[in-house]
């Protein structure tokens, strides 16, 4: 009787796995150097796949259900062992249970900035993080490339092994999508769905995985790129730059042009008016080289002390003295004075 019990203990009658965890991806049935007898029962539960491996080669795979192991239902393993006759004797093989349900809420992130080429800013460094959901769709490839021969492969081991690989796939997909940095930084809610068709083919072919959801929660760019984005937004808010300069001129004149803000506004006004006069027909450029029969040049809007002195036939120092005394109205920008045509006309009529 003891001999019969000993012989029974050498063979495996039932192969099953009760998964009492929520973080197991694959689990190897512990055969304890025993053999599987002919007619043994293989039990596979929902969201499980049982994969046979014989001498490092992948054999048959079984989905959910109760299976009786005979020659007829393990043809791949039968072929690997090159049995000449029906499966009558016990055999040895590793059995891996792989979980095929969706694993949700896994975090990903770029430990180092991702370099991407952008049409607006050139080469840009991006940092990103988010979450993803995945499942195993190619069991042999997953066991070969990810889990290996680990007898109990858990989610935390998977996260450590796959974090850099997922970031690498994300970086390649982002570069291939050629999404502008401005859109990446402002529309990352839509970015995940756009990248899924690019990420999944690579994950499946390399690791036997499929992402059911890829969420980009945040994308950050370097401070200098943020400043460029802010400046571009400000320019868009200003609209027509010429109208904005005119508005600043009116504000500066209304307040007397005091302080640095007034000086800045007056300088901007002067530059804008000078540019406008250069672009107008009969402006300064036209006055420099008037053509034959050309219309009389329009009088300039702004005068320097030298221009006023030439027009009045006095010394430039006299003009500056009148400006400082307030007899002649003008605006001082730094060390330079400018007089409007209206102010000069008012001085002449006084």
C-alpha atoms as a PDB file:
ATOM      1  CA  UNK A   1       0.000   0.000   0.000  1.00  0.00           C
ATOM      2  CA  UNK A   2       2.808   2.387   0.826  1.00  0.00           C
ATOM      3  CA  UNK A   3       4.404   1.670  -2.555  1.00  0.00           C
ATOM      4  CA  UNK A   4       1.167   2.522  -4.388  1.00  0.00           C
ATOM      5  CA  UNK A   5       0.840   5.790  -2.453  1.00  0.00           C
ATOM      6  CA  UNK A   6       4.441   6.610  -3.275  1.00  0.00           C
ATOM      7  CA  UNK A   7       3.857   5.975  -6.996  1.00  0.00           C
ATOM      8  CA  UNK A   8       0.713   8.136  -6.961  1.00  0.00           C
ATOM      9  CA  UNK A   9       2.679  11.002  -5.453  1.00  0.00           C
ATOM     10  CA  UNK A  10       5.087  10.871  -8.386  1.00  0.00           C
ATOM     11  CA  UNK A  11       2.385  11.823 -10.893  1.00  0.00           C
ATOM     12  CA  UNK A  12       0.246  14.912 -11.290  1.00  0.00           C
ATOM     13  CA  UNK A  13      -3.489  14.239 -11.612  1.00  0.00           C
ATOM     14  CA  UNK A  14      -4.864  17.822 -11.528  1.00  0.00           C
ATOM     15  CA  UNK A  15      -3.283  21.047 -12.733  1.00  0.00           C
ATOM     16  CA  UNK A  16      -5.007  24.251 -11.612  1.00  0.00           C
ATOM     17  CA  UNK A  17      -4.331  27.657 -10.113  1.00  0.00           C
ATOM     18  CA  UNK A  18      -6.573  29.642  -7.822  1.00  0.00           C
ATOM     19  CA  UNK A  19      -5.546  33.292  -8.242  1.00  0.00           C
ATOM     20  CA  UNK A  20      -6.121  35.029  -4.918  1.00  0.00           C
ATOM     21  CA  UNK A  21      -4.170  38.172  -5.860  1.00  0.00           C
ATOM     22  CA  UNK A  22      -4.824  41.159  -8.092  1.00  0.00           C
ATOM     23  CA  UNK A  23      -1.235  41.792  -9.110  1.00  0.00           C
ATOM     24  CA  UNK A  24      -0.077  38.483 -10.658  1.00  0.00           C
ATOM     25  CA  UNK A  25       0.668  38.388 -14.376  1.00  0.00           C
ATOM     26  CA  UNK A  26       2.070  34.854 -14.699  1.00  0.00           C
ATOM     27  CA  UNK A  27       2.515  31.855 -12.400  1.00  0.00           C
ATOM     28  CA  UNK A  28       4.344  28.574 -13.012  1.00  0.00           C
ATOM     29  CA  UNK A  29       2.666  25.423 -11.749  1.00  0.00           C
ATOM     30  CA  UNK A  30       4.999  23.789  -9.161  1.00  0.00           C
ATOM     31  CA  UNK A  31       5.544  20.257 -10.449  1.00  0.00           C
ATOM     32  CA  UNK A  32       8.151  19.441  -7.752  1.00  0.00           C
ATOM     33  CA  UNK A  33       9.948  17.232 -10.264  1.00  0.00           C
ATOM     34  CA  UNK A  34       6.833  15.120 -10.803  1.00  0.00           C
ATOM     35  CA  UNK A  35       5.439  14.001 -14.147  1.00  0.00           C
ATOM     36  CA  UNK A  36       2.018  14.635 -15.636  1.00  0.00           C
ATOM     37  CA  UNK A  37       0.140  11.393 -16.170  1.00  0.00           C
ATOM     38  CA  UNK A  38      -2.013  10.600 -19.185  1.00  0.00           C
ATOM     39  CA  UNK A  39      -5.589  11.779 -18.658  1.00  0.00           C
ATOM     40  CA  UNK A  40      -4.660  14.416 -16.072  1.00  0.00           C
ATOM     41  CA  UNK A  41      -7.178  17.210 -15.614  1.00  0.00           C
ATOM     42  CA  UNK A  42      -6.160  20.750 -16.554  1.00  0.00           C
ATOM     43  CA  UNK A  43      -8.431  23.449 -15.121  1.00  0.00           C
ATOM     44  CA  UNK A  44      -8.192  26.967 -16.546  1.00  0.00           C
ATOM     45  CA  UNK A  45     -10.387  29.705 -15.120  1.00  0.00           C
ATOM     46  CA  UNK A  46     -11.704  32.882 -16.704  1.00  0.00           C
ATOM     47  CA  UNK A  47      -9.058  35.460 -17.661  1.00  0.00           C
ATOM     48  CA  UNK A  48      -6.401  32.727 -17.640  1.00  0.00           C
ATOM     49  CA  UNK A  49      -4.379  30.939 -20.297  1.00  0.00           C
ATOM     50  CA  UNK A  50      -2.359  27.791 -19.517  1.00  0.00           C
ATOM     51  CA  UNK A  51       0.808  27.603 -21.624  1.00  0.00           C
ATOM     52  CA  UNK A  52       2.855  24.379 -21.851  1.00  0.00           C
ATOM     53  CA  UNK A  53       6.628  24.697 -22.280  1.00  0.00           C
ATOM     54  CA  UNK A  54       8.786  21.677 -23.062  1.00  0.00           C
ATOM     55  CA  UNK A  55      12.596  21.991 -22.919  1.00  0.00           C
ATOM     56  CA  UNK A  56      12.399  25.731 -23.570  1.00  0.00           C
ATOM     57  CA  UNK A  57       9.998  25.413 -26.518  1.00  0.00           C
ATOM     58  CA  UNK A  58       6.403  26.596 -26.414  1.00  0.00           C
ATOM     59  CA  UNK A  59       3.831  23.843 -26.737  1.00  0.00           C
ATOM     60  CA  UNK A  60       0.045  23.916 -26.515  1.00  0.00           C
ATOM     61  CA  UNK A  61      -2.002  26.675 -24.887  1.00  0.00           C
ATOM     62  CA  UNK A  62      -5.412  26.195 -23.259  1.00  0.00           C
ATOM     63  CA  UNK A  63      -8.107  28.747 -22.593  1.00  0.00           C
ATOM     64  CA  UNK A  64     -10.796  28.735 -19.874  1.00  0.00           C
ATOM     65  CA  UNK A  65     -12.372  25.345 -19.196  1.00  0.00           C
ATOM     66  CA  UNK A  66     -11.635  21.821 -17.964  1.00  0.00           C
ATOM     67  CA  UNK A  67      -9.335  19.836 -20.244  1.00  0.00           C
ATOM     68  CA  UNK A  68      -8.289  16.173 -20.199  1.00  0.00           C
ATOM     69  CA  UNK A  69      -4.689  15.828 -21.337  1.00  0.00           C
ATOM     70  CA  UNK A  70      -4.390  13.185 -24.036  1.00  0.00           C
ATOM     71  CA  UNK A  71      -2.470  12.871 -27.290  1.00  0.00           C
ATOM     72  CA  UNK A  72      -5.449  14.235 -29.215  1.00  0.00           C
ATOM     73  CA  UNK A  73      -5.637  17.636 -27.463  1.00  0.00           C
ATOM     74  CA  UNK A  74      -1.924  18.397 -27.078  1.00  0.00           C
ATOM     75  CA  UNK A  75      -0.730  17.946 -30.679  1.00  0.00           C
ATOM     76  CA  UNK A  76       2.055  20.542 -30.462  1.00  0.00           C
ATOM     77  CA  UNK A  77       3.555  18.959 -27.354  1.00  0.00           C
ATOM     78  CA  UNK A  78       3.176  15.518 -28.912  1.00  0.00           C
ATOM     79  CA  UNK A  79       5.091  16.720 -31.955  1.00  0.00           C
ATOM     80  CA  UNK A  80       7.809  18.325 -29.813  1.00  0.00           C
ATOM     81  CA  UNK A  81       8.400  15.079 -27.935  1.00  0.00           C
ATOM     82  CA  UNK A  82       8.288  13.090 -31.193  1.00  0.00           C
ATOM     83  CA  UNK A  83       6.178  10.338 -29.640  1.00  0.00           C
ATOM     84  CA  UNK A  84       5.891   7.490 -32.058  1.00  0.00           C
ATOM     85  CA  UNK A  85       2.903   6.016 -30.296  1.00  0.00           C
ATOM     86  CA  UNK A  86      -0.112   7.289 -28.389  1.00  0.00           C
ATOM     87  CA  UNK A  87       0.513   9.147 -25.196  1.00  0.00           C
ATOM     88  CA  UNK A  88       0.470   6.288 -22.726  1.00  0.00           C
ATOM     89  CA  UNK A  89       3.325   7.209 -20.387  1.00  0.00           C
ATOM     90  CA  UNK A  90       3.649  10.184 -18.028  1.00  0.00           C
ATOM     91  CA  UNK A  91       5.546  13.231 -19.280  1.00  0.00           C
ATOM     92  CA  UNK A  92       7.254  16.332 -17.909  1.00  0.00           C
ATOM     93  CA  UNK A  93       6.481  19.867 -19.036  1.00  0.00           C
ATOM     94  CA  UNK A  94       6.325  23.307 -17.441  1.00  0.00           C
ATOM     95  CA  UNK A  95       2.851  24.831 -17.223  1.00  0.00           C
ATOM     96  CA  UNK A  96       2.564  28.622 -16.982  1.00  0.00           C
ATOM     97  CA  UNK A  97      -0.700  30.308 -16.080  1.00  0.00           C
ATOM     98  CA  UNK A  98      -0.917  33.777 -17.613  1.00  0.00           C
ATOM     99  CA  UNK A  99      -3.591  36.330 -16.626  1.00  0.00           C
ATOM    100  CA  UNK A 100      -5.264  38.000 -19.625  1.00  0.00           C
ATOM    101  CA  UNK A 101      -7.543  40.495 -17.885  1.00  0.00           C
ATOM    102  CA  UNK A 102      -6.983  44.260 -18.150  1.00  0.00           C
ATOM    103  CA  UNK A 103      -4.599  45.721 -15.561  1.00  0.00           C
ATOM    104  CA  UNK A 104      -5.629  49.309 -14.866  1.00  0.00           C
ATOM    105  CA  UNK A 105      -4.101  52.431 -13.349  1.00  0.00           C
ATOM    106  CA  UNK A 106      -0.431  51.770 -14.059  1.00  0.00           C
ATOM    107  CA  UNK A 107       1.811  54.818 -13.861  1.00  0.00           C
ATOM    108  CA  UNK A 108       4.423  55.845 -16.402  1.00  0.00           C
ATOM    109  CA  UNK A 109       6.752  58.822 -16.613  1.00  0.00           C
ATOM    110  CA  UNK A 110       9.929  60.141 -18.215  1.00  0.00           C
ATOM    111  CA  UNK A 111      12.828  59.946 -15.780  1.00  0.00           C
ATOM    112  CA  UNK A 112      14.843  62.116 -18.183  1.00  0.00           C
ATOM    113  CA  UNK A 113      13.586  64.720 -20.681  1.00  0.00           C
ATOM    114  CA  UNK A 114      12.493  63.414 -24.072  1.00  0.00           C
ATOM    115  CA  UNK A 115      14.167  65.173 -26.988  1.00  0.00           C
ATOM    116  CA  UNK A 116      11.904  66.011 -29.916  1.00  0.00           C
ATOM    117  CA  UNK A 117      12.330  68.177 -32.990  1.00  0.00           C
ATOM    118  CA  UNK A 118       9.752  70.948 -33.282  1.00  0.00           C
ATOM    119  CA  UNK A 119       9.003  73.175 -36.266  1.00  0.00           C
ATOM    120  CA  UNK A 120       8.507  76.270 -34.069  1.00  0.00           C
ATOM    121  CA  UNK A 121      11.215  75.918 -31.403  1.00  0.00           C
ATOM    122  CA  UNK A 122      13.753  73.543 -32.938  1.00  0.00           C
ATOM    123  CA  UNK A 123      14.896  70.777 -30.567  1.00  0.00           C
ATOM    124  CA  UNK A 124      12.726  70.766 -27.421  1.00  0.00           C
ATOM    125  CA  UNK A 125      13.080  68.795 -24.176  1.00  0.00           C
ATOM    126  CA  UNK A 126       9.781  67.435 -22.847  1.00  0.00           C
ATOM    127  CA  UNK A 127       8.888  65.703 -19.590  1.00  0.00           C
ATOM    128  CA  UNK A 128       5.645  63.756 -19.347  1.00  0.00           C
ATOM    129  CA  UNK A 129       3.782  61.373 -17.053  1.00  0.00           C
ATOM    130  CA  UNK A 130       0.422  59.653 -16.875  1.00  0.00           C
ATOM    131  CA  UNK A 131      -1.316  56.276 -16.525  1.00  0.00           C
ATOM    132  CA  UNK A 132      -2.089  53.337 -18.784  1.00  0.00           C
ATOM    133  CA  UNK A 133      -4.179  50.147 -18.854  1.00  0.00           C
ATOM    134  CA  UNK A 134      -2.892  47.000 -20.554  1.00  0.00           C
ATOM    135  CA  UNK A 135      -3.478  43.301 -21.104  1.00  0.00           C
ATOM    136  CA  UNK A 136      -1.486  40.347 -22.406  1.00  0.00           C
ATOM    137  CA  UNK A 137      -2.475  39.305 -25.941  1.00  0.00           C
ATOM    138  CA  UNK A 138       0.484  37.170 -27.067  1.00  0.00           C
ATOM    139  CA  UNK A 139       1.299  34.737 -24.244  1.00  0.00           C
ATOM    140  CA  UNK A 140       4.459  33.090 -25.674  1.00  0.00           C
ATOM    141  CA  UNK A 141       6.012  36.434 -26.584  1.00  0.00           C
ATOM    142  CA  UNK A 142       5.172  37.893 -23.175  1.00  0.00           C
ATOM    143  CA  UNK A 143       6.745  34.918 -21.372  1.00  0.00           C
ATOM    144  CA  UNK A 144       9.807  35.068 -23.580  1.00  0.00           C
ATOM    145  CA  UNK A 145      10.444  38.827 -23.574  1.00  0.00           C
ATOM    146  CA  UNK A 146       9.024  40.029 -20.246  1.00  0.00           C
ATOM    147  CA  UNK A 147       8.305  37.421 -17.577  1.00  0.00           C
ATOM    148  CA  UNK A 148      11.023  34.933 -18.504  1.00  0.00           C
ATOM    149  CA  UNK A 149      11.227  31.857 -16.272  1.00  0.00           C
ATOM    150  CA  UNK A 150      10.045  33.702 -13.152  1.00  0.00           C
ATOM    151  CA  UNK A 151       7.798  31.296 -11.243  1.00  0.00           C
ATOM    152  CA  UNK A 152       5.604  34.167  -9.946  1.00  0.00           C
ATOM    153  CA  UNK A 153       5.770  37.356 -12.004  1.00  0.00           C
ATOM    154  CA  UNK A 154       4.002  40.282 -10.318  1.00  0.00           C
ATOM    155  CA  UNK A 155       2.868  43.720 -11.383  1.00  0.00           C
ATOM    156  CA  UNK A 156       5.574  45.573  -9.446  1.00  0.00           C
ATOM    157  CA  UNK A 157       8.259  43.574 -11.260  1.00  0.00           C
ATOM    158  CA  UNK A 158       6.516  44.327 -14.529  1.00  0.00           C
ATOM    159  CA  UNK A 159       6.484  48.073 -13.773  1.00  0.00           C
ATOM    160  CA  UNK A 160      10.209  48.069 -13.056  1.00  0.00           C
ATOM    161  CA  UNK A 161      11.004  46.064 -16.181  1.00  0.00           C
ATOM    162  CA  UNK A 162       8.695  47.939 -18.553  1.00  0.00           C
ATOM    163  CA  UNK A 163       8.852  51.560 -17.394  1.00  0.00           C
ATOM    164  CA  UNK A 164      11.835  52.525 -19.528  1.00  0.00           C
ATOM    165  CA  UNK A 165      10.574  50.446 -22.453  1.00  0.00           C
ATOM    166  CA  UNK A 166       7.170  52.133 -22.443  1.00  0.00           C
ATOM    167  CA  UNK A 167       8.788  55.576 -22.250  1.00  0.00           C
ATOM    168  CA  UNK A 168      11.005  54.606 -25.195  1.00  0.00           C
ATOM    169  CA  UNK A 169       7.968  53.547 -27.234  1.00  0.00           C
ATOM    170  CA  UNK A 170       6.180  56.763 -26.209  1.00  0.00           C
ATOM    171  CA  UNK A 171       9.167  58.871 -27.291  1.00  0.00           C
ATOM    172  CA  UNK A 172       9.372  57.164 -30.688  1.00  0.00           C
ATOM    173  CA  UNK A 173       5.610  57.508 -31.224  1.00  0.00           C
ATOM    174  CA  UNK A 174       5.663  61.191 -30.237  1.00  0.00           C
ATOM    175  CA  UNK A 175       8.537  61.888 -32.617  1.00  0.00           C
ATOM    176  CA  UNK A 176       6.802  59.987 -35.415  1.00  0.00           C
ATOM    177  CA  UNK A 177       3.515  61.814 -34.872  1.00  0.00           C
ATOM    178  CA  UNK A 178       5.296  65.191 -35.336  1.00  0.00           C
ATOM    179  CA  UNK A 179       2.913  66.943 -32.946  1.00  0.00           C
ATOM    180  CA  UNK A 180       3.995  70.578 -32.322  1.00  0.00           C
ATOM    181  CA  UNK A 181       5.246  71.362 -28.828  1.00  0.00           C
ATOM    182  CA  UNK A 182       2.508  73.987 -28.458  1.00  0.00           C
ATOM    183  CA  UNK A 183      -0.142  71.286 -28.990  1.00  0.00           C
ATOM    184  CA  UNK A 184       1.645  68.759 -26.778  1.00  0.00           C
ATOM    185  CA  UNK A 185       1.742  71.229 -23.901  1.00  0.00           C
ATOM    186  CA  UNK A 186      -1.878  72.339 -24.235  1.00  0.00           C
ATOM    187  CA  UNK A 187      -3.816  69.381 -25.642  1.00  0.00           C
ATOM    188  CA  UNK A 188      -2.398  66.384 -23.830  1.00  0.00           C
ATOM    189  CA  UNK A 189      -5.939  65.235 -23.062  1.00  0.00           C
ATOM    190  CA  UNK A 190      -6.220  64.147 -26.699  1.00  0.00           C
ATOM    191  CA  UNK A 191      -2.606  63.060 -27.024  1.00  0.00           C
ATOM    192  CA  UNK A 192      -3.010  59.596 -25.515  1.00  0.00           C
ATOM    193  CA  UNK A 193      -5.722  58.516 -27.947  1.00  0.00           C
ATOM    194  CA  UNK A 194      -3.713  59.863 -30.860  1.00  0.00           C
ATOM    195  CA  UNK A 195      -0.616  57.893 -29.814  1.00  0.00           C
ATOM    196  CA  UNK A 196      -2.359  54.557 -29.083  1.00  0.00           C
ATOM    197  CA  UNK A 197      -2.412  53.424 -32.761  1.00  0.00           C
ATOM    198  CA  UNK A 198       1.328  54.110 -32.911  1.00  0.00           C
ATOM    199  CA  UNK A 199       2.221  52.520 -29.567  1.00  0.00           C
ATOM    200  CA  UNK A 200       0.210  49.280 -29.703  1.00  0.00           C
ATOM    201  CA  UNK A 201       1.761  47.687 -32.821  1.00  0.00           C
ATOM    202  CA  UNK A 202       5.218  48.078 -31.282  1.00  0.00           C
ATOM    203  CA  UNK A 203       4.177  46.770 -27.854  1.00  0.00           C
ATOM    204  CA  UNK A 204       2.445  43.753 -29.366  1.00  0.00           C
ATOM    205  CA  UNK A 205       5.277  42.791 -31.701  1.00  0.00           C
ATOM    206  CA  UNK A 206       7.978  43.252 -29.053  1.00  0.00           C
ATOM    207  CA  UNK A 207       6.336  42.267 -25.770  1.00  0.00           C
ATOM    208  CA  UNK A 208       2.973  40.631 -26.533  1.00  0.00           C
ATOM    209  CA  UNK A 209       1.057  43.469 -24.836  1.00  0.00           C
ATOM    210  CA  UNK A 210      -1.795  45.743 -25.837  1.00  0.00           C
ATOM    211  CA  UNK A 211      -2.677  49.045 -24.205  1.00  0.00           C
ATOM    212  CA  UNK A 212      -6.407  49.596 -23.855  1.00  0.00           C
ATOM    213  CA  UNK A 213      -5.889  53.113 -22.527  1.00  0.00           C
ATOM    214  CA  UNK A 214      -2.925  55.499 -22.555  1.00  0.00           C
ATOM    215  CA  UNK A 215      -3.471  58.735 -20.651  1.00  0.00           C
ATOM    216  CA  UNK A 216      -1.090  61.694 -20.690  1.00  0.00           C
ATOM    217  CA  UNK A 217      -1.782  63.617 -17.490  1.00  0.00           C
ATOM    218  CA  UNK A 218       0.871  66.281 -17.861  1.00  0.00           C
ATOM    219  CA  UNK A 219       3.526  67.468 -20.297  1.00  0.00           C
ATOM    220  CA  UNK A 220       6.035  70.096 -19.217  1.00  0.00           C
ATOM    221  CA  UNK A 221       8.482  72.043 -21.347  1.00  0.00           C
ATOM    222  CA  UNK A 222      11.630  73.954 -20.298  1.00  0.00           C
ATOM    223  CA  UNK A 223      11.138  77.465 -18.804  1.00  0.00           C
ATOM    224  CA  UNK A 224      12.457  79.189 -21.927  1.00  0.00           C
ATOM    225  CA  UNK A 225       9.858  77.431 -24.077  1.00  0.00           C
ATOM    226  CA  UNK A 226       7.144  78.378 -21.582  1.00  0.00           C
ATOM    227  CA  UNK A 227       8.232  82.017 -21.883  1.00  0.00           C
ATOM    228  CA  UNK A 228       8.108  81.781 -25.682  1.00  0.00           C
ATOM    229  CA  UNK A 229       4.586  80.345 -25.474  1.00  0.00           C
ATOM    230  CA  UNK A 230       3.541  83.160 -23.111  1.00  0.00           C
ATOM    231  CA  UNK A 231       4.995  85.797 -25.448  1.00  0.00           C
ATOM    232  CA  UNK A 232       3.209  84.285 -28.416  1.00  0.00           C
ATOM    233  CA  UNK A 233      -0.053  84.297 -26.460  1.00  0.00           C
ATOM    234  CA  UNK A 234       0.501  87.935 -25.490  1.00  0.00           C
ATOM    235  CA  UNK A 235       1.148  88.941 -29.098  1.00  0.00           C
ATOM    236  CA  UNK A 236      -2.020  87.163 -30.162  1.00  0.00           C
ATOM    237  CA  UNK A 237      -3.955  89.033 -27.459  1.00  0.00           C
ATOM    238  CA  UNK A 238      -2.516  92.412 -28.592  1.00  0.00           C
ATOM    239  CA  UNK A 239      -3.615  91.816 -32.179  1.00  0.00           C
ATOM    240  CA  UNK A 240      -2.584  94.647 -34.548  1.00  0.00           C
ATOM    241  CA  UNK A 241       0.775  95.893 -33.276  1.00  0.00           C
ATOM    242  CA  UNK A 242       0.461  99.293 -34.996  1.00  0.00           C
ATOM    243  CA  UNK A 243      -2.873  99.986 -33.290  1.00  0.00           C
ATOM    244  CA  UNK A 244      -1.378  98.911 -29.977  1.00  0.00           C
ATOM    245  CA  UNK A 245       1.536 101.351 -30.366  1.00  0.00           C
ATOM    246  CA  UNK A 246      -0.863 104.188 -31.176  1.00  0.00           C
ATOM    247  CA  UNK A 247      -2.847 103.374 -28.066  1.00  0.00           C
ATOM    248  CA  UNK A 248       0.325 103.419 -25.963  1.00  0.00           C
ATOM    249  CA  UNK A 249       1.238 106.807 -27.488  1.00  0.00           C
ATOM    250  CA  UNK A 250      -2.120 108.273 -26.536  1.00  0.00           C
ATOM    251  CA  UNK A 251      -1.792 106.926 -23.008  1.00  0.00           C
ATOM    252  CA  UNK A 252       1.738 108.297 -22.674  1.00  0.00           C
ATOM    253  CA  UNK A 253       0.763 111.760 -23.917  1.00  0.00           C
ATOM    254  CA  UNK A 254      -2.295 111.842 -21.663  1.00  0.00           C
ATOM    255  CA  UNK A 255      -0.194 111.161 -18.576  1.00  0.00           C
ATOM    256  CA  UNK A 256       2.577 113.559 -19.549  1.00  0.00           C
ATOM    257  CA  UNK A 257       5.018 110.801 -20.395  1.00  0.00           C
ATOM    258  CA  UNK A 258       6.475 110.750 -16.875  1.00  0.00           C
ATOM    259  CA  UNK A 259       8.651 107.965 -15.601  1.00  0.00           C
ATOM    260  CA  UNK A 260      10.224 104.976 -17.305  1.00  0.00           C
ATOM    261  CA  UNK A 261       6.876 103.708 -18.562  1.00  0.00           C
ATOM    262  CA  UNK A 262       6.246 106.989 -20.330  1.00  0.00           C
ATOM    263  CA  UNK A 263       9.716 107.013 -21.837  1.00  0.00           C
ATOM    264  CA  UNK A 264       9.228 103.442 -23.083  1.00  0.00           C
ATOM    265  CA  UNK A 265       5.884 104.337 -24.616  1.00  0.00           C
ATOM    266  CA  UNK A 266       7.324 107.420 -26.306  1.00  0.00           C
ATOM    267  CA  UNK A 267      10.241 105.413 -27.670  1.00  0.00           C
ATOM    268  CA  UNK A 268       7.837 102.817 -29.071  1.00  0.00           C
ATOM    269  CA  UNK A 269       5.737 105.613 -30.551  1.00  0.00           C
ATOM    270  CA  UNK A 270       8.760 107.223 -32.161  1.00  0.00           C
ATOM    271  CA  UNK A 271       9.899 103.935 -33.707  1.00  0.00           C
ATOM    272  CA  UNK A 272       6.430 103.119 -34.991  1.00  0.00           C
ATOM    273  CA  UNK A 273       5.956 106.602 -36.493  1.00  0.00           C
ATOM    274  CA  UNK A 274       9.391 106.546 -38.062  1.00  0.00           C
ATOM    275  CA  UNK A 275       8.637 103.149 -39.604  1.00  0.00           C
ATOM    276  CA  UNK A 276       5.306 104.430 -40.850  1.00  0.00           C
ATOM    277  CA  UNK A 277       6.935 107.498 -42.441  1.00  0.00           C
ATOM    278  CA  UNK A 278       9.553 105.320 -44.092  1.00  0.00           C
ATOM    279  CA  UNK A 279       6.827 103.169 -45.619  1.00  0.00           C
ATOM    280  CA  UNK A 280       4.580 106.028 -46.774  1.00  0.00           C
ATOM    281  CA  UNK A 281       4.957 107.557 -50.279  1.00  0.00           C
ATOM    282  CA  UNK A 282       6.754 110.899 -49.978  1.00  0.00           C
ATOM    283  CA  UNK A 283       8.178 109.975 -46.577  1.00  0.00           C
ATOM    284  CA  UNK A 284      11.730 110.398 -45.338  1.00  0.00           C
ATOM    285  CA  UNK A 285      13.104 107.942 -47.872  1.00  0.00           C
ATOM    286  CA  UNK A 286      11.396 109.835 -50.675  1.00  0.00           C
ATOM    287  CA  UNK A 287      12.683 113.148 -49.360  1.00  0.00           C
ATOM    288  CA  UNK A 288      16.268 111.927 -49.459  1.00  0.00           C
ATOM    289  CA  UNK A 289      16.150 111.280 -53.222  1.00  0.00           C
ATOM    290  CA  UNK A 290      13.170 113.133 -54.703  1.00  0.00           C
ATOM    291  CA  UNK A 291      12.362 112.302 -58.294  1.00  0.00           C
ATOM    292  CA  UNK A 292      11.811 114.775 -61.135  1.00  0.00           C
ATOM    293  CA  UNK A 293       8.315 116.185 -60.980  1.00  0.00           C
ATOM    294  CA  UNK A 294       7.694 114.564 -57.595  1.00  0.00           C
ATOM    295  CA  UNK A 295       5.078 116.080 -55.315  1.00  0.00           C
ATOM    296  CA  UNK A 296       6.370 118.255 -52.450  1.00  0.00           C
ATOM    297  CA  UNK A 297       7.504 116.113 -49.523  1.00  0.00           C
ATOM    298  CA  UNK A 298       5.189 116.068 -46.537  1.00  0.00           C
ATOM    299  CA  UNK A 299       6.502 117.813 -43.451  1.00  0.00           C
ATOM    300  CA  UNK A 300       7.846 115.402 -40.840  1.00  0.00           C
ATOM    301  CA  UNK A 301       5.799 114.751 -37.706  1.00  0.00           C
ATOM    302  CA  UNK A 302       8.778 114.765 -35.314  1.00  0.00           C
ATOM    303  CA  UNK A 303      11.777 117.118 -35.173  1.00  0.00           C
ATOM    304  CA  UNK A 304      15.078 116.900 -33.411  1.00  0.00           C
ATOM    305  CA  UNK A 305      16.573 120.063 -31.811  1.00  0.00           C
ATOM    306  CA  UNK A 306      18.898 120.302 -34.814  1.00  0.00           C
ATOM    307  CA  UNK A 307      15.915 120.222 -37.209  1.00  0.00           C
ATOM    308  CA  UNK A 308      14.120 122.948 -35.193  1.00  0.00           C
ATOM    309  CA  UNK A 309      17.277 125.081 -35.047  1.00  0.00           C
ATOM    310  CA  UNK A 310      17.692 124.807 -38.824  1.00  0.00           C
ATOM    311  CA  UNK A 311      14.083 125.749 -39.427  1.00  0.00           C
ATOM    312  CA  UNK A 312      14.189 128.721 -37.024  1.00  0.00           C
ATOM    313  CA  UNK A 313      17.691 129.820 -38.033  1.00  0.00           C
ATOM    314  CA  UNK A 314      19.039 129.649 -34.485  1.00  0.00           C
ATOM    315  CA  UNK A 315      21.655 127.603 -32.651  1.00  0.00           C
ATOM    316  CA  UNK A 316      20.767 124.118 -31.453  1.00  0.00           C
ATOM    317  CA  UNK A 317      21.762 125.086 -27.885  1.00  0.00           C
ATOM    318  CA  UNK A 318      19.105 127.842 -27.965  1.00  0.00           C
ATOM    319  CA  UNK A 319      16.447 125.311 -28.934  1.00  0.00           C
ATOM    320  CA  UNK A 320      17.480 122.976 -26.092  1.00  0.00           C
ATOM    321  CA  UNK A 321      17.375 125.881 -23.637  1.00  0.00           C
ATOM    322  CA  UNK A 322      13.814 126.740 -24.737  1.00  0.00           C
ATOM    323  CA  UNK A 323      12.814 123.068 -24.353  1.00  0.00           C
ATOM    324  CA  UNK A 324      14.247 122.874 -20.843  1.00  0.00           C
ATOM    325  CA  UNK A 325      12.580 126.171 -19.911  1.00  0.00           C
ATOM    326  CA  UNK A 326       9.244 124.904 -21.215  1.00  0.00           C
ATOM    327  CA  UNK A 327       8.772 127.695 -23.762  1.00  0.00           C
ATOM    328  CA  UNK A 328       8.904 125.099 -26.546  1.00  0.00           C
ATOM    329  CA  UNK A 329       6.930 121.960 -25.807  1.00  0.00           C
ATOM    330  CA  UNK A 330       8.738 118.701 -26.445  1.00  0.00           C
ATOM    331  CA  UNK A 331       9.349 115.209 -25.158  1.00  0.00           C
ATOM    332  CA  UNK A 332      12.636 114.065 -23.720  1.00  0.00           C
ATOM    333  CA  UNK A 333      13.664 110.446 -24.396  1.00  0.00           C
ATOM    334  CA  UNK A 334      16.815 109.721 -22.458  1.00  0.00           C
ATOM    335  CA  UNK A 335      19.197 112.527 -23.446  1.00  0.00           C
ATOM    336  CA  UNK A 336      17.403 113.298 -26.706  1.00  0.00           C
ATOM    337  CA  UNK A 337      14.568 115.745 -27.334  1.00  0.00           C
ATOM    338  CA  UNK A 338      11.807 115.393 -29.884  1.00  0.00           C
ATOM    339  CA  UNK A 339       9.357 118.118 -30.936  1.00  0.00           C
ATOM    340  CA  UNK A 340       6.099 117.472 -32.732  1.00  0.00           C
ATOM    341  CA  UNK A 341       5.101 119.591 -35.689  1.00  0.00           C
ATOM    342  CA  UNK A 342       2.017 120.809 -33.774  1.00  0.00           C
ATOM    343  CA  UNK A 343       4.183 121.944 -30.862  1.00  0.00           C
ATOM    344  CA  UNK A 344       6.530 123.803 -33.212  1.00  0.00           C
ATOM    345  CA  UNK A 345       3.623 125.506 -34.968  1.00  0.00           C
ATOM    346  CA  UNK A 346       2.171 126.549 -31.606  1.00  0.00           C
ATOM    347  CA  UNK A 347       5.551 127.978 -30.588  1.00  0.00           C
ATOM    348  CA  UNK A 348       5.810 129.982 -33.783  1.00  0.00           C
ATOM    349  CA  UNK A 349       2.287 131.380 -33.364  1.00  0.00           C
ATOM    350  CA  UNK A 350       2.809 132.342 -29.720  1.00  0.00           C
END
